[in-house]
Amino acid sequence: MKKSKIESVIENLKDAGCNKTTIEKFIVCFENNRKEEQLEILEKQRTDLLNQVHKDEKRISCLDYLAYQIKREKRFLNN
């Protein structure tokens, strides 16, 4: 069975991490051909995801720094 266009859009929004409220807002805009509002919703989701990526990058950097310190201490103690 082939998915309808709206089902495909909903699936894509879910895959992009959109919550129920965001999806509902987007679908109302989609059904009413409000392209500018659709783009605003997508841009907000993109910004939110990118902010999360940056937070996660900082966390990874903290872990990398701690690992670096431990390895440095280990080398110092072994010499």
C-alpha atoms as a PDB file:
ATOM      1  CA  MET A   1       0.000   0.000   0.000  1.00  0.00           C
ATOM      2  CA  LYS A   2       1.370   3.404  -1.007  1.00  0.00           C
ATOM      3  CA  LYS A   3       1.613   6.094   1.656  1.00  0.00           C
ATOM      4  CA  SER A   4      -0.237   9.338   1.149  1.00  0.00           C
ATOM      5  CA  LYS A   5       1.746  12.541   0.844  1.00  0.00           C
ATOM      6  CA  ILE A   6       0.651  13.654   4.313  1.00  0.00           C
ATOM      7  CA  GLU A   7       1.698  10.326   5.867  1.00  0.00           C
ATOM      8  CA  SER A   8       5.124  10.696   4.259  1.00  0.00           C
ATOM      9  CA  VAL A   9       5.458  14.229   5.600  1.00  0.00           C
ATOM     10  CA  ILE A  10       4.476  13.116   9.112  1.00  0.00           C
ATOM     11  CA  GLU A  11       6.967  10.248   8.997  1.00  0.00           C
ATOM     12  CA  ASN A  12       9.695  12.603   7.845  1.00  0.00           C
ATOM     13  CA  LEU A  13       8.918  15.071  10.640  1.00  0.00           C
ATOM     14  CA  LYS A  14       9.023  12.273  13.206  1.00  0.00           C
ATOM     15  CA  ASP A  15      12.360  11.083  11.802  1.00  0.00           C
ATOM     16  CA  ALA A  16      13.613  14.664  12.169  1.00  0.00           C
ATOM     17  CA  GLY A  17      12.755  14.560  15.868  1.00  0.00           C
ATOM     18  CA  CYS A  18       9.694  16.811  15.774  1.00  0.00           C
ATOM     19  CA  ASN A  19       7.315  16.474  18.693  1.00  0.00           C
ATOM     20  CA  LYS A  20       3.561  15.981  18.375  1.00  0.00           C
ATOM     21  CA  THR A  21       2.750  19.687  18.738  1.00  0.00           C
ATOM     22  CA  THR A  22       5.238  20.690  16.048  1.00  0.00           C
ATOM     23  CA  ILE A  23       3.919  18.033  13.693  1.00  0.00           C
ATOM     24  CA  GLU A  24       0.339  19.162  14.257  1.00  0.00           C
ATOM     25  CA  LYS A  25       1.255  22.806  13.559  1.00  0.00           C
ATOM     26  CA  PHE A  26       3.153  21.799  10.439  1.00  0.00           C
ATOM     27  CA  ILE A  27       0.271  19.692   9.111  1.00  0.00           C
ATOM     28  CA  VAL A  28      -2.198  22.562   9.573  1.00  0.00           C
ATOM     29  CA  CYS A  29       0.149  24.768   7.557  1.00  0.00           C
ATOM     30  CA  PHE A  30       0.681  21.994   5.008  1.00  0.00           C
ATOM     31  CA  GLU A  31      -3.047  21.492   4.497  1.00  0.00           C
ATOM     32  CA  ASN A  32      -3.571  25.245   4.118  1.00  0.00           C
ATOM     33  CA  ASN A  33      -0.596  25.726   1.790  1.00  0.00           C
ATOM     34  CA  ARG A  34       1.129  28.160   4.183  1.00  0.00           C
ATOM     35  CA  LYS A  35       4.631  27.603   2.876  1.00  0.00           C
ATOM     36  CA  GLU A  36       6.309  30.422   4.804  1.00  0.00           C
ATOM     37  CA  GLU A  37       5.050  29.061   8.135  1.00  0.00           C
ATOM     38  CA  GLN A  38       6.133  25.561   7.135  1.00  0.00           C
ATOM     39  CA  LEU A  39       9.632  26.849   6.483  1.00  0.00           C
ATOM     40  CA  GLU A  40       9.689  28.669   9.835  1.00  0.00           C
ATOM     41  CA  ILE A  41       8.722  25.461  11.647  1.00  0.00           C
ATOM     42  CA  LEU A  42      11.422  23.493   9.823  1.00  0.00           C
ATOM     43  CA  GLU A  43      14.040  26.173  10.514  1.00  0.00           C
ATOM     44  CA  LYS A  44      13.198  26.181  14.217  1.00  0.00           C
ATOM     45  CA  GLN A  45      13.530  22.388  14.375  1.00  0.00           C
ATOM     46  CA  ARG A  46      16.823  22.588  12.523  1.00  0.00           C
ATOM     47  CA  THR A  47      18.120  25.241  14.924  1.00  0.00           C
ATOM     48  CA  ASP A  48      17.042  23.181  17.926  1.00  0.00           C
ATOM     49  CA  LEU A  49      18.807  20.098  16.553  1.00  0.00           C
ATOM     50  CA  LEU A  50      21.962  22.062  15.767  1.00  0.00           C
ATOM     51  CA  ASN A  51      22.012  23.532  19.271  1.00  0.00           C
ATOM     52  CA  GLN A  52      21.793  20.009  20.673  1.00  0.00           C
ATOM     53  CA  VAL A  53      24.680  18.917  18.445  1.00  0.00           C
ATOM     54  CA  HIS A  54      26.788  21.775  19.793  1.00  0.00           C
ATOM     55  CA  LYS A  55      25.957  20.824  23.385  1.00  0.00           C
ATOM     56  CA  ASP A  56      26.920  17.224  22.654  1.00  0.00           C
ATOM     57  CA  GLU A  57      30.169  18.348  21.006  1.00  0.00           C
ATOM     58  CA  LYS A  58      31.074  20.250  24.174  1.00  0.00           C
ATOM     59  CA  ARG A  59      30.346  17.155  26.263  1.00  0.00           C
ATOM     60  CA  ILE A  60      32.550  15.061  23.990  1.00  0.00           C
ATOM     61  CA  SER A  61      35.327  17.641  24.316  1.00  0.00           C
ATOM     62  CA  CYS A  62      35.079  17.400  28.108  1.00  0.00           C
ATOM     63  CA  LEU A  63      35.407  13.624  27.937  1.00  0.00           C
ATOM     64  CA  ASP A  64      38.332  13.889  25.526  1.00  0.00           C
ATOM     65  CA  TYR A  65      40.079  16.333  27.843  1.00  0.00           C
ATOM     66  CA  LEU A  66      39.645  14.056  30.864  1.00  0.00           C
ATOM     67  CA  ALA A  67      40.926  11.093  28.873  1.00  0.00           C
ATOM     68  CA  TYR A  68      43.915  13.193  27.747  1.00  0.00           C
ATOM     69  CA  GLN A  69      44.720  14.125  31.355  1.00  0.00           C
ATOM     70  CA  ILE A  70      44.532  10.498  32.499  1.00  0.00           C
ATOM     71  CA  LYS A  71      46.785   9.324  29.664  1.00  0.00           C
ATOM     72  CA  ARG A  72      49.242  12.129  30.421  1.00  0.00           C
ATOM     73  CA  GLU A  73      49.355  11.175  34.114  1.00  0.00           C
ATOM     74  CA  LYS A  74      49.766   7.534  33.190  1.00  0.00           C
ATOM     75  CA  ARG A  75      52.753   8.343  30.951  1.00  0.00           C
ATOM     76  CA  PHE A  76      54.269  10.523  33.678  1.00  0.00           C
ATOM     77  CA  LEU A  77      53.935   7.755  36.280  1.00  0.00           C
ATOM     78  CA  ASN A  78      55.409   5.136  33.927  1.00  0.00           C
ATOM     79  CA  ASN A  79      58.560   7.173  33.309  1.00  0.00           C
END
